[in-house]
Amino acid sequence: MLIQQRNLQKNIDEYSFNAHYMPLTSESSFHSSLAFLPHSSRFGTVLDYQNYLA
């Protein structure tokens, strides 16, 4: 529960400091983690692949 509270507070703080207005760069932004999504996801069924592609 403590980790979730920290994550929520971090998100609130980032929003209050207008972090969502930061420009997208090739080094960092929300899209940087998308490339690692297949490695952190579990693909055991056809439905898992369909959900990933949806």
PDB file of N, CA and C in Angstrom:
ATOM      1  N   MET A   1       0.823  -1.195   0.000  1.00  0.00           N
ATOM      2  CA  MET A   1       0.000   0.000   0.000  1.00  0.00           C
ATOM      3  C   MET A   1       0.869   1.261   0.000  1.00  0.00           C
ATOM      4  N   LEU A   2       1.982   1.214   0.687  1.00  0.00           N
ATOM      5  CA  LEU A   2       2.856   2.374   0.769  1.00  0.00           C
ATOM      6  C   LEU A   2       3.412   2.743  -0.602  1.00  0.00           C
ATOM      7  N   ILE A   3       3.735   1.753  -1.409  1.00  0.00           N
ATOM      8  CA  ILE A   3       4.265   2.022  -2.745  1.00  0.00           C
ATOM      9  C   ILE A   3       3.204   2.708  -3.602  1.00  0.00           C
ATOM     10  N   GLN A   4       1.972   2.249  -3.496  1.00  0.00           N
ATOM     11  CA  GLN A   4       0.892   2.872  -4.267  1.00  0.00           C
ATOM     12  C   GLN A   4       0.668   4.311  -3.832  1.00  0.00           C
ATOM     13  N   GLN A   5       0.762   4.568  -2.549  1.00  0.00           N
ATOM     14  CA  GLN A   5       0.606   5.940  -2.058  1.00  0.00           C
ATOM     15  C   GLN A   5       1.726   6.833  -2.572  1.00  0.00           C
ATOM     16  N   ARG A   6       2.953   6.310  -2.577  1.00  0.00           N
ATOM     17  CA  ARG A   6       4.079   7.095  -3.099  1.00  0.00           C
ATOM     18  C   ARG A   6       3.899   7.383  -4.584  1.00  0.00           C
ATOM     19  N   ASN A   7       3.490   6.372  -5.345  1.00  0.00           N
ATOM     20  CA  ASN A   7       3.279   6.574  -6.779  1.00  0.00           C
ATOM     21  C   ASN A   7       2.181   7.600  -7.040  1.00  0.00           C
ATOM     22  N   LEU A   8       1.102   7.510  -6.287  1.00  0.00           N
ATOM     23  CA  LEU A   8       0.015   8.472  -6.446  1.00  0.00           C
ATOM     24  C   LEU A   8       0.486   9.877  -6.097  1.00  0.00           C
ATOM     25  N   GLN A   9       1.215  10.017  -5.004  1.00  0.00           N
ATOM     26  CA  GLN A   9       1.706  11.335  -4.610  1.00  0.00           C
ATOM     27  C   GLN A   9       2.685  11.874  -5.644  1.00  0.00           C
ATOM     28  N   LYS A  10       3.533  11.015  -6.214  1.00  0.00           N
ATOM     29  CA  LYS A  10       4.470  11.435  -7.245  1.00  0.00           C
ATOM     30  C   LYS A  10       3.718  11.949  -8.467  1.00  0.00           C
ATOM     31  N   ASN A  11       2.656  11.222  -8.867  1.00  0.00           N
ATOM     32  CA  ASN A  11       1.850  11.657 -10.012  1.00  0.00           C
ATOM     33  C   ASN A  11       1.161  12.990  -9.737  1.00  0.00           C
ATOM     34  N   ILE A  12       0.662  13.165  -8.541  1.00  0.00           N
ATOM     35  CA  ILE A  12       0.008  14.422  -8.172  1.00  0.00           C
ATOM     36  C   ILE A  12       1.026  15.566  -8.199  1.00  0.00           C
ATOM     37  N   ASP A  13       2.208  15.304  -7.640  1.00  0.00           N
ATOM     38  CA  ASP A  13       3.249  16.335  -7.624  1.00  0.00           C
ATOM     39  C   ASP A  13       3.696  16.702  -9.031  1.00  0.00           C
ATOM     40  N   GLU A  14       3.886  15.692  -9.875  1.00  0.00           N
ATOM     41  CA  GLU A  14       4.294  15.972 -11.253  1.00  0.00           C
ATOM     42  C   GLU A  14       3.247  16.827 -11.967  1.00  0.00           C
ATOM     43  N   TYR A  15       1.993  16.526 -11.738  1.00  0.00           N
ATOM     44  CA  TYR A  15       0.929  17.306 -12.380  1.00  0.00           C
ATOM     45  C   TYR A  15       0.916  18.735 -11.848  1.00  0.00           C
ATOM     46  N   SER A  16       1.080  18.891 -10.552  1.00  0.00           N
ATOM     47  CA  SER A  16       1.027  20.239  -9.981  1.00  0.00           C
ATOM     48  C   SER A  16       2.205  21.099 -10.445  1.00  0.00           C
ATOM     49  N   PHE A  17       3.321  20.462 -10.829  1.00  0.00           N
ATOM     50  CA  PHE A  17       4.461  21.200 -11.362  1.00  0.00           C
ATOM     51  C   PHE A  17       4.466  21.224 -12.889  1.00  0.00           C
ATOM     52  N   ASN A  18       3.323  20.887 -13.488  1.00  0.00           N
ATOM     53  CA  ASN A  18       3.130  20.931 -14.942  1.00  0.00           C
ATOM     54  C   ASN A  18       4.101  20.039 -15.728  1.00  0.00           C
ATOM     55  N   ALA A  19       4.428  18.882 -15.170  1.00  0.00           N
ATOM     56  CA  ALA A  19       5.322  17.952 -15.854  1.00  0.00           C
ATOM     57  C   ALA A  19       4.705  17.446 -17.160  1.00  0.00           C
ATOM     58  N   HIS A  20       3.386  17.500 -17.257  1.00  0.00           N
ATOM     59  CA  HIS A  20       2.714  17.037 -18.478  1.00  0.00           C
ATOM     60  C   HIS A  20       2.944  17.995 -19.648  1.00  0.00           C
ATOM     61  N   TYR A  21       3.524  19.159 -19.387  1.00  0.00           N
ATOM     62  CA  TYR A  21       3.860  20.089 -20.461  1.00  0.00           C
ATOM     63  C   TYR A  21       5.297  19.931 -20.959  1.00  0.00           C
ATOM     64  N   MET A  22       6.024  18.994 -20.372  1.00  0.00           N
ATOM     65  CA  MET A  22       7.408  18.776 -20.790  1.00  0.00           C
ATOM     66  C   MET A  22       7.418  18.266 -22.230  1.00  0.00           C
ATOM     67  N   PRO A  23       8.355  18.740 -23.026  1.00  0.00           N
ATOM     68  CA  PRO A  23       8.392  18.298 -24.426  1.00  0.00           C
ATOM     69  C   PRO A  23       8.819  16.837 -24.548  1.00  0.00           C
ATOM     70  N   LEU A  24       8.393  16.212 -25.626  1.00  0.00           N
ATOM     71  CA  LEU A  24       8.805  14.845 -25.908  1.00  0.00           C
ATOM     72  C   LEU A  24      10.210  14.882 -26.501  1.00  0.00           C
ATOM     73  N   THR A  25      11.059  14.020 -25.990  1.00  0.00           N
ATOM     74  CA  THR A  25      12.399  13.905 -26.548  1.00  0.00           C
ATOM     75  C   THR A  25      12.671  12.436 -26.844  1.00  0.00           C
ATOM     76  N   SER A  26      13.725  12.178 -27.560  1.00  0.00           N
ATOM     77  CA  SER A  26      14.051  10.787 -27.875  1.00  0.00           C
ATOM     78  C   SER A  26      14.601  10.057 -26.657  1.00  0.00           C
ATOM     79  N   GLU A  27      15.062  10.775 -25.658  1.00  0.00           N
ATOM     80  CA  GLU A  27      15.651  10.143 -24.482  1.00  0.00           C
ATOM     81  C   GLU A  27      14.631   9.813 -23.398  1.00  0.00           C
ATOM     82  N   SER A  28      13.634  10.658 -23.245  1.00  0.00           N
ATOM     83  CA  SER A  28      12.697  10.415 -22.147  1.00  0.00           C
ATOM     84  C   SER A  28      11.325  10.987 -22.454  1.00  0.00           C
ATOM     85  N   SER A  29      10.338  10.216 -22.108  1.00  0.00           N
ATOM     86  CA  SER A  29       8.940  10.586 -22.171  1.00  0.00           C
ATOM     87  C   SER A  29       8.121   9.319 -21.960  1.00  0.00           C
ATOM     88  N   PHE A  30       6.815   9.440 -22.033  1.00  0.00           N
ATOM     89  CA  PHE A  30       5.983   8.262 -21.792  1.00  0.00           C
ATOM     90  C   PHE A  30       6.217   7.170 -22.830  1.00  0.00           C
ATOM     91  N   HIS A  31       6.607   7.554 -24.047  1.00  0.00           N
ATOM     92  CA  HIS A  31       6.769   6.582 -25.121  1.00  0.00           C
ATOM     93  C   HIS A  31       8.047   5.759 -24.969  1.00  0.00           C
ATOM     94  N   SER A  32       8.974   6.179 -24.139  1.00  0.00           N
ATOM     95  CA  SER A  32      10.233   5.457 -23.970  1.00  0.00           C
ATOM     96  C   SER A  32      10.015   4.057 -23.411  1.00  0.00           C
ATOM     97  N   SER A  33       9.052   3.906 -22.552  1.00  0.00           N
ATOM     98  CA  SER A  33       8.811   2.600 -21.935  1.00  0.00           C
ATOM     99  C   SER A  33       7.997   1.663 -22.821  1.00  0.00           C
ATOM    100  N   LEU A  34       7.395   2.179 -23.889  1.00  0.00           N
ATOM    101  CA  LEU A  34       6.577   1.329 -24.754  1.00  0.00           C
ATOM    102  C   LEU A  34       7.391   0.241 -25.447  1.00  0.00           C
ATOM    103  N   ALA A  35       8.644   0.526 -25.740  1.00  0.00           N
ATOM    104  CA  ALA A  35       9.488  -0.465 -26.407  1.00  0.00           C
ATOM    105  C   ALA A  35       9.760  -1.675 -25.519  1.00  0.00           C
ATOM    106  N   PHE A  36       9.703  -1.483 -24.214  1.00  0.00           N
ATOM    107  CA  PHE A  36       9.971  -2.566 -23.275  1.00  0.00           C
ATOM    108  C   PHE A  36       8.709  -3.291 -22.840  1.00  0.00           C
ATOM    109  N   LEU A  37       7.572  -2.856 -23.299  1.00  0.00           N
ATOM    110  CA  LEU A  37       6.310  -3.464 -22.902  1.00  0.00           C
ATOM    111  C   LEU A  37       6.226  -4.961 -23.224  1.00  0.00           C
ATOM    112  N   PRO A  38       6.635  -5.421 -24.399  1.00  0.00           N
ATOM    113  CA  PRO A  38       6.560  -6.865 -24.661  1.00  0.00           C
ATOM    114  C   PRO A  38       7.418  -7.700 -23.709  1.00  0.00           C
ATOM    115  N   HIS A  39       8.537  -7.151 -23.249  1.00  0.00           N
ATOM    116  CA  HIS A  39       9.401  -7.897 -22.339  1.00  0.00           C
ATOM    117  C   HIS A  39       8.812  -7.971 -20.934  1.00  0.00           C
ATOM    118  N   SER A  40       8.005  -7.009 -20.568  1.00  0.00           N
ATOM    119  CA  SER A  40       7.428  -7.000 -19.229  1.00  0.00           C
ATOM    120  C   SER A  40       6.024  -7.587 -19.198  1.00  0.00           C
ATOM    121  N   SER A  41       5.511  -8.000 -20.350  1.00  0.00           N
ATOM    122  CA  SER A  41       4.171  -8.587 -20.430  1.00  0.00           C
ATOM    123  C   SER A  41       4.277 -10.088 -20.613  1.00  0.00           C
ATOM    124  N   ARG A  42       3.271 -10.760 -20.179  1.00  0.00           N
ATOM    125  CA  ARG A  42       3.230 -12.207 -20.292  1.00  0.00           C
ATOM    126  C   ARG A  42       2.315 -12.588 -21.459  1.00  0.00           C
ATOM    127  N   PHE A  43       2.858 -13.354 -22.395  1.00  0.00           N
ATOM    128  CA  PHE A  43       2.091 -13.805 -23.548  1.00  0.00           C
ATOM    129  C   PHE A  43       1.981 -15.325 -23.490  1.00  0.00           C
ATOM    130  N   GLY A  44       0.847 -15.796 -22.971  1.00  0.00           N
ATOM    131  CA  GLY A  44       0.652 -17.232 -22.845  1.00  0.00           C
ATOM    132  C   GLY A  44      -0.446 -17.765 -23.742  1.00  0.00           C
ATOM    133  N   THR A  45      -1.316 -16.884 -24.194  1.00  0.00           N
ATOM    134  CA  THR A  45      -2.452 -17.321 -25.012  1.00  0.00           C
ATOM    135  C   THR A  45      -2.607 -16.386 -26.207  1.00  0.00           C
ATOM    136  N   VAL A  46      -3.436 -16.817 -27.134  1.00  0.00           N
ATOM    137  CA  VAL A  46      -3.746 -15.990 -28.292  1.00  0.00           C
ATOM    138  C   VAL A  46      -4.431 -14.702 -27.836  1.00  0.00           C
ATOM    139  N   LEU A  47      -5.260 -14.801 -26.822  1.00  0.00           N
ATOM    140  CA  LEU A  47      -5.956 -13.626 -26.293  1.00  0.00           C
ATOM    141  C   LEU A  47      -4.961 -12.599 -25.751  1.00  0.00           C
ATOM    142  N   ASP A  48      -3.867 -13.043 -25.139  1.00  0.00           N
ATOM    143  CA  ASP A  48      -2.843 -12.120 -24.657  1.00  0.00           C
ATOM    144  C   ASP A  48      -2.258 -11.322 -25.828  1.00  0.00           C
ATOM    145  N   TYR A  49      -1.981 -11.986 -26.929  1.00  0.00           N
ATOM    146  CA  TYR A  49      -1.445 -11.292 -28.113  1.00  0.00           C
ATOM    147  C   TYR A  49      -2.477 -10.333 -28.716  1.00  0.00           C
ATOM    148  N   GLN A  50      -3.711 -10.762 -28.750  1.00  0.00           N
ATOM    149  CA  GLN A  50      -4.769  -9.901 -29.297  1.00  0.00           C
ATOM    150  C   GLN A  50      -4.952  -8.657 -28.428  1.00  0.00           C
ATOM    151  N   ASN A  51      -4.907  -8.836 -27.119  1.00  0.00           N
ATOM    152  CA  ASN A  51      -5.039  -7.689 -26.212  1.00  0.00           C
ATOM    153  C   ASN A  51      -3.860  -6.744 -26.356  1.00  0.00           C
ATOM    154  N   TYR A  52      -2.668  -7.285 -26.579  1.00  0.00           N
ATOM    155  CA  TYR A  52      -1.479  -6.444 -26.758  1.00  0.00           C
ATOM    156  C   TYR A  52      -1.598  -5.607 -28.032  1.00  0.00           C
ATOM    157  N   LEU A  53      -2.111  -6.213 -29.093  1.00  0.00           N
ATOM    158  CA  LEU A  53      -2.213  -5.510 -30.374  1.00  0.00           C
ATOM    159  C   LEU A  53      -3.403  -4.570 -30.442  1.00  0.00           C
ATOM    160  N   ALA A  54      -4.360  -4.726 -29.548  1.00  0.00           N
ATOM    161  CA  ALA A  54      -5.582  -3.902 -29.576  1.00  0.00           C
ATOM    162  C   ALA A  54      -5.322  -2.480 -29.140  1.00  0.00           C
TER     163      ALA A  54
END
